[in-house]
Amino acid sequence: MPNISLSGKAIDGDPDTYWINLFAADSTWQSGEPGNATNVSTTKQGKWLYKPIPDKGVYANDRAGKVVFFFRNLDPSTVKVGDRGQGHAYETARAIAWHVDSL
């Protein structure tokens, strides 16, 4: 499974942008926003996991295990550059769009 680099924006309210890297070796993630903003998420790192059910996708959790991001239908075993989807940023209660930039 490769490392996955995503970028995206909020799709409700202002179209605030963000990026996130999902690291395969240790299942960690790290995110950021322009100017070190916290418009999409205040937490910027943690652990991630893929769940095939009940809601298929990648869950990026904080250190306490609370879900920070959900990337619906993102499957690390089949992902390709250019894949797109939607999800949720839970800390700010915002719907988000995501795009796979690189593997």
PDB file of N, CA and C in Angstrom:
ATOM      1  N   MET A   1       0.843  -1.170   0.000  1.00  0.00           N
ATOM      2  CA  MET A   1       0.000   0.000   0.000  1.00  0.00           C
ATOM      3  C   MET A   1       0.895   1.244   0.000  1.00  0.00           C
ATOM      4  N   PRO A   2       0.593   2.208  -0.879  1.00  0.00           N
ATOM      5  CA  PRO A   2       1.437   3.409  -0.983  1.00  0.00           C
ATOM      6  C   PRO A   2       1.050   4.488   0.025  1.00  0.00           C
ATOM      7  N   ASN A   3       1.962   5.450   0.194  1.00  0.00           N
ATOM      8  CA  ASN A   3       1.582   6.688   0.873  1.00  0.00           C
ATOM      9  C   ASN A   3       0.613   7.413  -0.049  1.00  0.00           C
ATOM     10  N   ILE A   4      -0.324   8.149   0.516  1.00  0.00           N
ATOM     11  CA  ILE A   4      -1.341   8.828  -0.278  1.00  0.00           C
ATOM     12  C   ILE A   4      -1.343  10.306   0.088  1.00  0.00           C
ATOM     13  N   SER A   5      -1.218  11.167  -0.916  1.00  0.00           N
ATOM     14  CA  SER A   5      -1.295  12.612  -0.710  1.00  0.00           C
ATOM     15  C   SER A   5      -2.590  13.129  -1.316  1.00  0.00           C
ATOM     16  N   LEU A   6      -3.386  13.788  -0.468  1.00  0.00           N
ATOM     17  CA  LEU A   6      -4.671  14.337  -0.893  1.00  0.00           C
ATOM     18  C   LEU A   6      -4.659  15.848  -0.728  1.00  0.00           C
ATOM     19  N   SER A   7      -5.470  16.504  -1.537  1.00  0.00           N
ATOM     20  CA  SER A   7      -5.764  17.911  -1.310  1.00  0.00           C
ATOM     21  C   SER A   7      -7.253  18.085  -1.522  1.00  0.00           C
ATOM     22  N   GLY A   8      -7.784  19.184  -1.015  1.00  0.00           N
ATOM     23  CA  GLY A   8      -9.207  19.389  -1.177  1.00  0.00           C
ATOM     24  C   GLY A   8      -9.646  20.713  -0.616  1.00  0.00           C
ATOM     25  N   LYS A   9     -10.969  20.843  -0.521  1.00  0.00           N
ATOM     26  CA  LYS A   9     -11.542  22.079  -0.001  1.00  0.00           C
ATOM     27  C   LYS A   9     -12.872  21.782   0.660  1.00  0.00           C
ATOM     28  N   ALA A  10     -13.269  22.695   1.517  1.00  0.00           N
ATOM     29  CA  ALA A  10     -14.598  22.609   2.117  1.00  0.00           C
ATOM     30  C   ALA A  10     -15.623  22.890   1.019  1.00  0.00           C
ATOM     31  N   ILE A  11     -16.736  22.172   1.059  1.00  0.00           N
ATOM     32  CA  ILE A  11     -17.753  22.378   0.031  1.00  0.00           C
ATOM     33  C   ILE A  11     -19.009  23.032   0.585  1.00  0.00           C
ATOM     34  N   ASP A  12     -18.939  23.445   1.836  1.00  0.00           N
ATOM     35  CA  ASP A  12     -20.017  24.246   2.407  1.00  0.00           C
ATOM     36  C   ASP A  12     -19.377  25.473   3.044  1.00  0.00           C
ATOM     37  N   GLY A  13     -19.996  26.609   2.912  1.00  0.00           N
ATOM     38  CA  GLY A  13     -19.385  27.833   3.412  1.00  0.00           C
ATOM     39  C   GLY A  13     -18.234  28.242   2.512  1.00  0.00           C
ATOM     40  N   ASP A  14     -17.239  28.915   3.084  1.00  0.00           N
ATOM     41  CA  ASP A  14     -16.065  29.323   2.311  1.00  0.00           C
ATOM     42  C   ASP A  14     -15.322  28.088   1.815  1.00  0.00           C
ATOM     43  N   PRO A  15     -14.787  28.124   0.593  1.00  0.00           N
ATOM     44  CA  PRO A  15     -14.064  26.957   0.051  1.00  0.00           C
ATOM     45  C   PRO A  15     -12.636  26.871   0.581  1.00  0.00           C
ATOM     46  N   ASP A  16     -12.486  26.790   1.912  1.00  0.00           N
ATOM     47  CA  ASP A  16     -11.162  26.700   2.528  1.00  0.00           C
ATOM     48  C   ASP A  16     -10.461  25.439   2.043  1.00  0.00           C
ATOM     49  N   THR A  17      -9.185  25.559   1.724  1.00  0.00           N
ATOM     50  CA  THR A  17      -8.419  24.426   1.202  1.00  0.00           C
ATOM     51  C   THR A  17      -7.589  23.766   2.299  1.00  0.00           C
ATOM     52  N   TYR A  18      -7.217  22.516   2.059  1.00  0.00           N
ATOM     53  CA  TYR A  18      -6.389  21.754   2.988  1.00  0.00           C
ATOM     54  C   TYR A  18      -5.603  20.718   2.195  1.00  0.00           C
ATOM     55  N   TRP A  19      -4.617  20.118   2.818  1.00  0.00           N
ATOM     56  CA  TRP A  19      -3.906  18.966   2.280  1.00  0.00           C
ATOM     57  C   TRP A  19      -3.710  17.973   3.412  1.00  0.00           C
ATOM     58  N   ILE A  20      -3.555  16.703   3.043  1.00  0.00           N
ATOM     59  CA  ILE A  20      -3.305  15.660   4.037  1.00  0.00           C
ATOM     60  C   ILE A  20      -2.471  14.557   3.401  1.00  0.00           C
ATOM     61  N   ASN A  21      -1.513  14.044   4.150  1.00  0.00           N
ATOM     62  CA  ASN A  21      -0.705  12.898   3.732  1.00  0.00           C
ATOM     63  C   ASN A  21      -1.036  11.726   4.642  1.00  0.00           C
ATOM     64  N   LEU A  22      -1.309  10.585   4.020  1.00  0.00           N
ATOM     65  CA  LEU A  22      -1.554   9.339   4.747  1.00  0.00           C
ATOM     66  C   LEU A  22      -0.338   8.447   4.536  1.00  0.00           C
ATOM     67  N   PHE A  23       0.373   8.145   5.606  1.00  0.00           N
ATOM     68  CA  PHE A  23       1.599   7.353   5.524  1.00  0.00           C
ATOM     69  C   PHE A  23       1.293   5.887   5.795  1.00  0.00           C
ATOM     70  N   ALA A  24       1.675   5.027   4.864  1.00  0.00           N
ATOM     71  CA  ALA A  24       1.335   3.610   4.929  1.00  0.00           C
ATOM     72  C   ALA A  24       2.137   2.857   5.997  1.00  0.00           C
ATOM     73  N   ALA A  25       3.415   3.164   6.132  1.00  0.00           N
ATOM     74  CA  ALA A  25       4.291   2.369   6.995  1.00  0.00           C
ATOM     75  C   ALA A  25       3.829   2.316   8.448  1.00  0.00           C
ATOM     76  N   ASP A  26       3.366   3.451   8.967  1.00  0.00           N
ATOM     77  CA  ASP A  26       2.972   3.480  10.380  1.00  0.00           C
ATOM     78  C   ASP A  26       1.529   3.945  10.583  1.00  0.00           C
ATOM     79  N   SER A  27       0.777   4.045   9.492  1.00  0.00           N
ATOM     80  CA  SER A  27      -0.640   4.456   9.540  1.00  0.00           C
ATOM     81  C   SER A  27      -0.837   5.801  10.241  1.00  0.00           C
ATOM     82  N   THR A  28       0.096   6.729  10.012  1.00  0.00           N
ATOM     83  CA  THR A  28      -0.062   8.072  10.561  1.00  0.00           C
ATOM     84  C   THR A  28      -0.510   9.017   9.455  1.00  0.00           C
ATOM     85  N   TRP A  29      -1.022  10.161   9.861  1.00  0.00           N
ATOM     86  CA  TRP A  29      -1.399  11.197   8.905  1.00  0.00           C
ATOM     87  C   TRP A  29      -0.939  12.539   9.411  1.00  0.00           C
ATOM     88  N   GLN A  30      -0.773  13.467   8.475  1.00  0.00           N
ATOM     89  CA  GLN A  30      -0.399  14.831   8.795  1.00  0.00           C
ATOM     90  C   GLN A  30      -1.114  15.737   7.805  1.00  0.00           C
ATOM     91  N   SER A  31      -1.693  16.832   8.304  1.00  0.00           N
ATOM     92  CA  SER A  31      -2.427  17.743   7.426  1.00  0.00           C
ATOM     93  C   SER A  31      -1.989  19.179   7.632  1.00  0.00           C
ATOM     94  N   GLY A  32      -2.431  20.027   6.733  1.00  0.00           N
ATOM     95  CA  GLY A  32      -2.134  21.442   6.840  1.00  0.00           C
ATOM     96  C   GLY A  32      -3.117  22.261   6.035  1.00  0.00           C
ATOM     97  N   GLU A  33      -3.049  23.554   6.270  1.00  0.00           N
ATOM     98  CA  GLU A  33      -3.875  24.518   5.555  1.00  0.00           C
ATOM     99  C   GLU A  33      -3.016  25.737   5.268  1.00  0.00           C
ATOM    100  N   PRO A  34      -3.338  26.494   4.221  1.00  0.00           N
ATOM    101  CA  PRO A  34      -2.554  27.693   3.915  1.00  0.00           C
ATOM    102  C   PRO A  34      -2.490  28.636   5.123  1.00  0.00           C
ATOM    103  N   GLY A  35      -1.296  29.174   5.369  1.00  0.00           N
ATOM    104  CA  GLY A  35      -1.105  30.115   6.467  1.00  0.00           C
ATOM    105  C   GLY A  35      -1.301  29.517   7.844  1.00  0.00           C
ATOM    106  N   ASN A  36      -1.150  28.188   7.960  1.00  0.00           N
ATOM    107  CA  ASN A  36      -1.349  27.472   9.228  1.00  0.00           C
ATOM    108  C   ASN A  36      -2.747  27.692   9.809  1.00  0.00           C
ATOM    109  N   ALA A  37      -3.722  27.886   8.934  1.00  0.00           N
ATOM    110  CA  ALA A  37      -5.105  28.116   9.368  1.00  0.00           C
ATOM    111  C   ALA A  37      -5.698  26.869  10.005  1.00  0.00           C
ATOM    112  N   THR A  38      -6.822  27.036  10.671  1.00  0.00           N
ATOM    113  CA  THR A  38      -7.574  25.932  11.271  1.00  0.00           C
ATOM    114  C   THR A  38      -9.041  26.011  10.853  1.00  0.00           C
ATOM    115  N   ASN A  39      -9.266  26.397   9.608  1.00  0.00           N
ATOM    116  CA  ASN A  39     -10.630  26.541   9.100  1.00  0.00           C
ATOM    117  C   ASN A  39     -11.297  25.209   8.787  1.00  0.00           C
ATOM    118  N   VAL A  40     -10.497  24.195   8.459  1.00  0.00           N
ATOM    119  CA  VAL A  40     -11.034  22.874   8.143  1.00  0.00           C
ATOM    120  C   VAL A  40     -10.839  21.922   9.323  1.00  0.00           C
ATOM    121  N   SER A  41      -9.692  22.013   9.975  1.00  0.00           N
ATOM    122  CA  SER A  41      -9.392  21.114  11.093  1.00  0.00           C
ATOM    123  C   SER A  41      -8.387  21.763  12.040  1.00  0.00           C
ATOM    124  N   THR A  42      -8.588  21.592  13.340  1.00  0.00           N
ATOM    125  CA  THR A  42      -7.616  22.092  14.307  1.00  0.00           C
ATOM    126  C   THR A  42      -6.528  21.060  14.577  1.00  0.00           C
ATOM    127  N   THR A  43      -6.872  19.777  14.525  1.00  0.00           N
ATOM    128  CA  THR A  43      -5.897  18.696  14.708  1.00  0.00           C
ATOM    129  C   THR A  43      -5.169  18.484  13.389  1.00  0.00           C
ATOM    130  N   LYS A  44      -3.850  18.350  13.436  1.00  0.00           N
ATOM    131  CA  LYS A  44      -3.050  18.265  12.224  1.00  0.00           C
ATOM    132  C   LYS A  44      -2.288  16.948  12.070  1.00  0.00           C
ATOM    133  N   GLN A  45      -2.483  15.999  13.001  1.00  0.00           N
ATOM    134  CA  GLN A  45      -1.806  14.707  12.864  1.00  0.00           C
ATOM    135  C   GLN A  45      -2.474  13.663  13.739  1.00  0.00           C
ATOM    136  N   GLY A  46      -2.189  12.404  13.423  1.00  0.00           N
ATOM    137  CA  GLY A  46      -2.747  11.303  14.187  1.00  0.00           C
ATOM    138  C   GLY A  46      -2.555   9.991  13.454  1.00  0.00           C
ATOM    139  N   LYS A  47      -3.435   9.045  13.711  1.00  0.00           N
ATOM    140  CA  LYS A  47      -3.411   7.723  13.069  1.00  0.00           C
ATOM    141  C   LYS A  47      -4.632   7.592  12.164  1.00  0.00           C
ATOM    142  N   TRP A  48      -4.484   6.817  11.091  1.00  0.00           N
ATOM    143  CA  TRP A  48      -5.615   6.596  10.203  1.00  0.00           C
ATOM    144  C   TRP A  48      -5.852   5.101  10.012  1.00  0.00           C
ATOM    145  N   LEU A  49      -7.074   4.761   9.585  1.00  0.00           N
ATOM    146  CA  LEU A  49      -7.394   3.382   9.263  1.00  0.00           C
ATOM    147  C   LEU A  49      -8.475   3.346   8.191  1.00  0.00           C
ATOM    148  N   TYR A  50      -8.503   2.241   7.469  1.00  0.00           N
ATOM    149  CA  TYR A  50      -9.511   2.016   6.432  1.00  0.00           C
ATOM    150  C   TYR A  50     -10.556   1.051   6.983  1.00  0.00           C
ATOM    151  N   LYS A  51     -11.828   1.379   6.769  1.00  0.00           N
ATOM    152  CA  LYS A  51     -12.921   0.495   7.162  1.00  0.00           C
ATOM    153  C   LYS A  51     -13.786   0.225   5.935  1.00  0.00           C
ATOM    154  N   PRO A  52     -14.012  -1.068   5.618  1.00  0.00           N
ATOM    155  CA  PRO A  52     -14.861  -1.386   4.472  1.00  0.00           C
ATOM    156  C   PRO A  52     -16.349  -1.265   4.771  1.00  0.00           C
ATOM    157  N   ILE A  53     -16.728  -1.346   6.052  1.00  0.00           N
ATOM    158  CA  ILE A  53     -18.128  -1.221   6.465  1.00  0.00           C
ATOM    159  C   ILE A  53     -18.179  -0.577   7.839  1.00  0.00           C
ATOM    160  N   PRO A  54     -19.206   0.059   8.290  1.00  0.00           N
ATOM    161  CA  PRO A  54     -20.451   0.321   7.568  1.00  0.00           C
ATOM    162  C   PRO A  54     -20.310   1.452   6.560  1.00  0.00           C
ATOM    163  N   ASP A  55     -19.467   2.452   6.809  1.00  0.00           N
ATOM    164  CA  ASP A  55     -19.213   3.525   5.847  1.00  0.00           C
ATOM    165  C   ASP A  55     -17.800   3.346   5.316  1.00  0.00           C
ATOM    166  N   LYS A  56     -17.705   2.836   4.084  1.00  0.00           N
ATOM    167  CA  LYS A  56     -16.421   2.549   3.452  1.00  0.00           C
ATOM    168  C   LYS A  56     -15.599   3.814   3.300  1.00  0.00           C
ATOM    169  N   GLY A  57     -14.353   3.755   3.755  1.00  0.00           N
ATOM    170  CA  GLY A  57     -13.456   4.882   3.576  1.00  0.00           C
ATOM    171  C   GLY A  57     -12.345   4.921   4.604  1.00  0.00           C
ATOM    172  N   VAL A  58     -11.593   5.998   4.558  1.00  0.00           N
ATOM    173  CA  VAL A  58     -10.474   6.221   5.465  1.00  0.00           C
ATOM    174  C   VAL A  58     -10.914   7.163   6.577  1.00  0.00           C
ATOM    175  N   TYR A  59     -10.569   6.772   7.796  1.00  0.00           N
ATOM    176  CA  TYR A  59     -10.856   7.547   8.995  1.00  0.00           C
ATOM    177  C   TYR A  59      -9.526   8.041   9.557  1.00  0.00           C
ATOM    178  N   ALA A  60      -9.363   9.355   9.656  1.00  0.00           N
ATOM    179  CA  ALA A  60      -8.166   9.957  10.251  1.00  0.00           C
ATOM    180  C   ALA A  60      -8.535  10.386  11.664  1.00  0.00           C
ATOM    181  N   ASN A  61      -7.896   9.768  12.639  1.00  0.00           N
ATOM    182  CA  ASN A  61      -8.224   9.983  14.053  1.00  0.00           C
ATOM    183  C   ASN A  61      -7.152  10.805  14.755  1.00  0.00           C
ATOM    184  N   ASP A  62      -7.551  11.481  15.840  1.00  0.00           N
ATOM    185  CA  ASP A  62      -6.570  12.185  16.660  1.00  0.00           C
ATOM    186  C   ASP A  62      -5.911  11.189  17.610  1.00  0.00           C
ATOM    187  N   ARG A  63      -5.046  11.663  18.472  1.00  0.00           N
ATOM    188  CA  ARG A  63      -4.315  10.761  19.388  1.00  0.00           C
ATOM    189  C   ARG A  63      -5.226  10.019  20.347  1.00  0.00           C
ATOM    190  N   ALA A  64      -6.385  10.586  20.644  1.00  0.00           N
ATOM    191  CA  ALA A  64      -7.338   9.936  21.546  1.00  0.00           C
ATOM    192  C   ALA A  64      -8.258   8.955  20.815  1.00  0.00           C
ATOM    193  N   GLY A  65      -8.143   8.888  19.490  1.00  0.00           N
ATOM    194  CA  GLY A  65      -8.969   7.970  18.717  1.00  0.00           C
ATOM    195  C   GLY A  65     -10.246   8.583  18.166  1.00  0.00           C
ATOM    196  N   LYS A  66     -10.438   9.876  18.389  1.00  0.00           N
ATOM    197  CA  LYS A  66     -11.625  10.579  17.887  1.00  0.00           C
ATOM    198  C   LYS A  66     -11.434  10.894  16.399  1.00  0.00           C
ATOM    199  N   VAL A  67     -12.470  10.653  15.591  1.00  0.00           N
ATOM    200  CA  VAL A  67     -12.376  10.885  14.147  1.00  0.00           C
ATOM    201  C   VAL A  67     -12.295  12.381  13.867  1.00  0.00           C
ATOM    202  N   VAL A  68     -11.273  12.767  13.095  1.00  0.00           N
ATOM    203  CA  VAL A  68     -11.067  14.145  12.684  1.00  0.00           C
ATOM    204  C   VAL A  68     -11.558  14.333  11.246  1.00  0.00           C
ATOM    205  N   PHE A  69     -11.130  13.423  10.358  1.00  0.00           N
ATOM    206  CA  PHE A  69     -11.531  13.441   8.952  1.00  0.00           C
ATOM    207  C   PHE A  69     -12.112  12.084   8.571  1.00  0.00           C
ATOM    208  N   PHE A  70     -13.060  12.096   7.648  1.00  0.00           N
ATOM    209  CA  PHE A  70     -13.554  10.875   7.010  1.00  0.00           C
ATOM    210  C   PHE A  70     -13.529  11.111   5.504  1.00  0.00           C
ATOM    211  N   PHE A  71     -12.858  10.214   4.782  1.00  0.00           N
ATOM    212  CA  PHE A  71     -12.767  10.278   3.331  1.00  0.00           C
ATOM    213  C   PHE A  71     -13.571   9.114   2.753  1.00  0.00           C
ATOM    214  N   ARG A  72     -14.826   9.393   2.417  1.00  0.00           N
ATOM    215  CA  ARG A  72     -15.760   8.364   1.935  1.00  0.00           C
ATOM    216  C   ARG A  72     -15.251   7.730   0.631  1.00  0.00           C
ATOM    217  N   ASN A  73     -15.298   6.396   0.606  1.00  0.00           N
ATOM    218  CA  ASN A  73     -14.939   5.576  -0.560  1.00  0.00           C
ATOM    219  C   ASN A  73     -13.464   5.644  -0.952  1.00  0.00           C
ATOM    220  N   LEU A  74     -12.608   6.185  -0.107  1.00  0.00           N
ATOM    221  CA  LEU A  74     -11.172   6.146  -0.366  1.00  0.00           C
ATOM    222  C   LEU A  74     -10.654   4.797   0.112  1.00  0.00           C
ATOM    223  N   ASP A  75     -10.238   3.966  -0.834  1.00  0.00           N
ATOM    224  CA  ASP A  75      -9.735   2.619  -0.523  1.00  0.00           C
ATOM    225  C   ASP A  75      -8.242   2.583  -0.825  1.00  0.00           C
ATOM    226  N   PRO A  76      -7.380   2.512   0.189  1.00  0.00           N
ATOM    227  CA  PRO A  76      -5.934   2.543  -0.030  1.00  0.00           C
ATOM    228  C   PRO A  76      -5.411   1.418  -0.917  1.00  0.00           C
ATOM    229  N   SER A  77      -6.132   0.308  -1.016  1.00  0.00           N
ATOM    230  CA  SER A  77      -5.648  -0.810  -1.826  1.00  0.00           C
ATOM    231  C   SER A  77      -5.941  -0.638  -3.322  1.00  0.00           C
ATOM    232  N   THR A  78      -6.832   0.274  -3.680  1.00  0.00           N
ATOM    233  CA  THR A  78      -7.184   0.464  -5.086  1.00  0.00           C
ATOM    234  C   THR A  78      -7.061   1.911  -5.557  1.00  0.00           C
ATOM    235  N   VAL A  79      -6.618   2.802  -4.695  1.00  0.00           N
ATOM    236  CA  VAL A  79      -6.570   4.230  -5.003  1.00  0.00           C
ATOM    237  C   VAL A  79      -5.649   4.517  -6.189  1.00  0.00           C
ATOM    238  N   LYS A  80      -6.034   5.529  -6.993  1.00  0.00           N
ATOM    239  CA  LYS A  80      -5.233   5.982  -8.118  1.00  0.00           C
ATOM    240  C   LYS A  80      -5.116   7.503  -8.068  1.00  0.00           C
ATOM    241  N   VAL A  81      -4.029   8.014  -8.620  1.00  0.00           N
ATOM    242  CA  VAL A  81      -3.889   9.464  -8.747  1.00  0.00           C
ATOM    243  C   VAL A  81      -5.060   9.970  -9.586  1.00  0.00           C
ATOM    244  N   GLY A  82      -5.676  11.031  -9.115  1.00  0.00           N
ATOM    245  CA  GLY A  82      -6.813  11.607  -9.812  1.00  0.00           C
ATOM    246  C   GLY A  82      -8.155  11.215  -9.229  1.00  0.00           C
ATOM    247  N   ASP A  83      -8.180  10.178  -8.383  1.00  0.00           N
ATOM    248  CA  ASP A  83      -9.442   9.798  -7.737  1.00  0.00           C
ATOM    249  C   ASP A  83      -9.970  10.993  -6.947  1.00  0.00           C
ATOM    250  N   ARG A  84     -11.313  11.100  -6.912  1.00  0.00           N
ATOM    251  CA  ARG A  84     -11.965  12.203  -6.204  1.00  0.00           C
ATOM    252  C   ARG A  84     -13.108  11.664  -5.351  1.00  0.00           C
ATOM    253  N   GLY A  85     -13.474  12.430  -4.357  1.00  0.00           N
ATOM    254  CA  GLY A  85     -14.603  12.037  -3.532  1.00  0.00           C
ATOM    255  C   GLY A  85     -14.970  13.137  -2.566  1.00  0.00           C
ATOM    256  N   GLN A  86     -15.832  12.770  -1.634  1.00  0.00           N
ATOM    257  CA  GLN A  86     -16.257  13.701  -0.600  1.00  0.00           C
ATOM    258  C   GLN A  86     -16.107  13.049   0.761  1.00  0.00           C
ATOM    259  N   GLY A  87     -16.250  13.828   1.781  1.00  0.00           N
ATOM    260  CA  GLY A  87     -16.121  13.320   3.135  1.00  0.00           C
ATOM    261  C   GLY A  87     -16.549  14.367   4.138  1.00  0.00           C
ATOM    262  N   HIS A  88     -15.915  14.306   5.313  1.00  0.00           N
ATOM    263  CA  HIS A  88     -16.328  15.191   6.387  1.00  0.00           C
ATOM    264  C   HIS A  88     -15.134  15.555   7.262  1.00  0.00           C
ATOM    265  N   ALA A  89     -15.085  16.825   7.672  1.00  0.00           N
ATOM    266  CA  ALA A  89     -14.132  17.299   8.677  1.00  0.00           C
ATOM    267  C   ALA A  89     -14.943  17.500   9.954  1.00  0.00           C
ATOM    268  N   TYR A  90     -14.794  16.602  10.907  1.00  0.00           N
ATOM    269  CA  TYR A  90     -15.676  16.575  12.077  1.00  0.00           C
ATOM    270  C   TYR A  90     -15.446  17.712  13.061  1.00  0.00           C
ATOM    271  N   GLU A  91     -14.219  18.172  13.226  1.00  0.00           N
ATOM    272  CA  GLU A  91     -13.960  19.232  14.208  1.00  0.00           C
ATOM    273  C   GLU A  91     -14.657  20.544  13.844  1.00  0.00           C
ATOM    274  N   THR A  92     -14.829  20.781  12.553  1.00  0.00           N
ATOM    275  CA  THR A  92     -15.468  22.007  12.099  1.00  0.00           C
ATOM    276  C   THR A  92     -16.845  21.746  11.486  1.00  0.00           C
ATOM    277  N   ALA A  93     -17.284  20.482  11.518  1.00  0.00           N
ATOM    278  CA  ALA A  93     -18.598  20.080  11.002  1.00  0.00           C
ATOM    279  C   ALA A  93     -18.802  20.537   9.560  1.00  0.00           C
ATOM    280  N   ARG A  94     -17.770  20.297   8.739  1.00  0.00           N
ATOM    281  CA  ARG A  94     -17.833  20.736   7.347  1.00  0.00           C
ATOM    282  C   ARG A  94     -17.739  19.558   6.397  1.00  0.00           C
ATOM    283  N   ALA A  95     -18.540  19.605   5.347  1.00  0.00           N
ATOM    284  CA  ALA A  95     -18.408  18.656   4.256  1.00  0.00           C
ATOM    285  C   ALA A  95     -17.176  19.073   3.447  1.00  0.00           C
ATOM    286  N   ILE A  96     -16.421  18.075   2.977  1.00  0.00           N
ATOM    287  CA  ILE A  96     -15.193  18.366   2.236  1.00  0.00           C
ATOM    288  C   ILE A  96     -15.146  17.542   0.950  1.00  0.00           C
ATOM    289  N   ALA A  97     -14.428  18.076  -0.012  1.00  0.00           N
ATOM    290  CA  ALA A  97     -14.100  17.339  -1.234  1.00  0.00           C
ATOM    291  C   ALA A  97     -12.619  16.950  -1.132  1.00  0.00           C
ATOM    292  N   TRP A  98     -12.270  15.792  -1.705  1.00  0.00           N
ATOM    293  CA  TRP A  98     -10.868  15.366  -1.705  1.00  0.00           C
ATOM    294  C   TRP A  98     -10.459  14.913  -3.098  1.00  0.00           C
ATOM    295  N   HIS A  99      -9.160  14.982  -3.358  1.00  0.00           N
ATOM    296  CA  HIS A  99      -8.557  14.625  -4.637  1.00  0.00           C
ATOM    297  C   HIS A  99      -7.199  13.985  -4.363  1.00  0.00           C
ATOM    298  N   VAL A 100      -6.912  12.843  -5.001  1.00  0.00           N
ATOM    299  CA  VAL A 100      -5.622  12.182  -4.815  1.00  0.00           C
ATOM    300  C   VAL A 100      -4.597  12.851  -5.725  1.00  0.00           C
ATOM    301  N   ASP A 101      -3.586  13.473  -5.110  1.00  0.00           N
ATOM    302  CA  ASP A 101      -2.535  14.182  -5.865  1.00  0.00           C
ATOM    303  C   ASP A 101      -1.385  13.263  -6.248  1.00  0.00           C
ATOM    304  N   SER A 102      -0.986  12.391  -5.327  1.00  0.00           N
ATOM    305  CA  SER A 102       0.157  11.509  -5.608  1.00  0.00           C
ATOM    306  C   SER A 102       0.129  10.295  -4.697  1.00  0.00           C
ATOM    307  N   LEU A 103       0.849   9.276  -5.156  1.00  0.00           N
ATOM    308  CA  LEU A 103       1.009   8.035  -4.382  1.00  0.00           C
ATOM    309  C   LEU A 103       2.494   7.808  -4.172  1.00  0.00           C
TER     310      LEU A 103
END
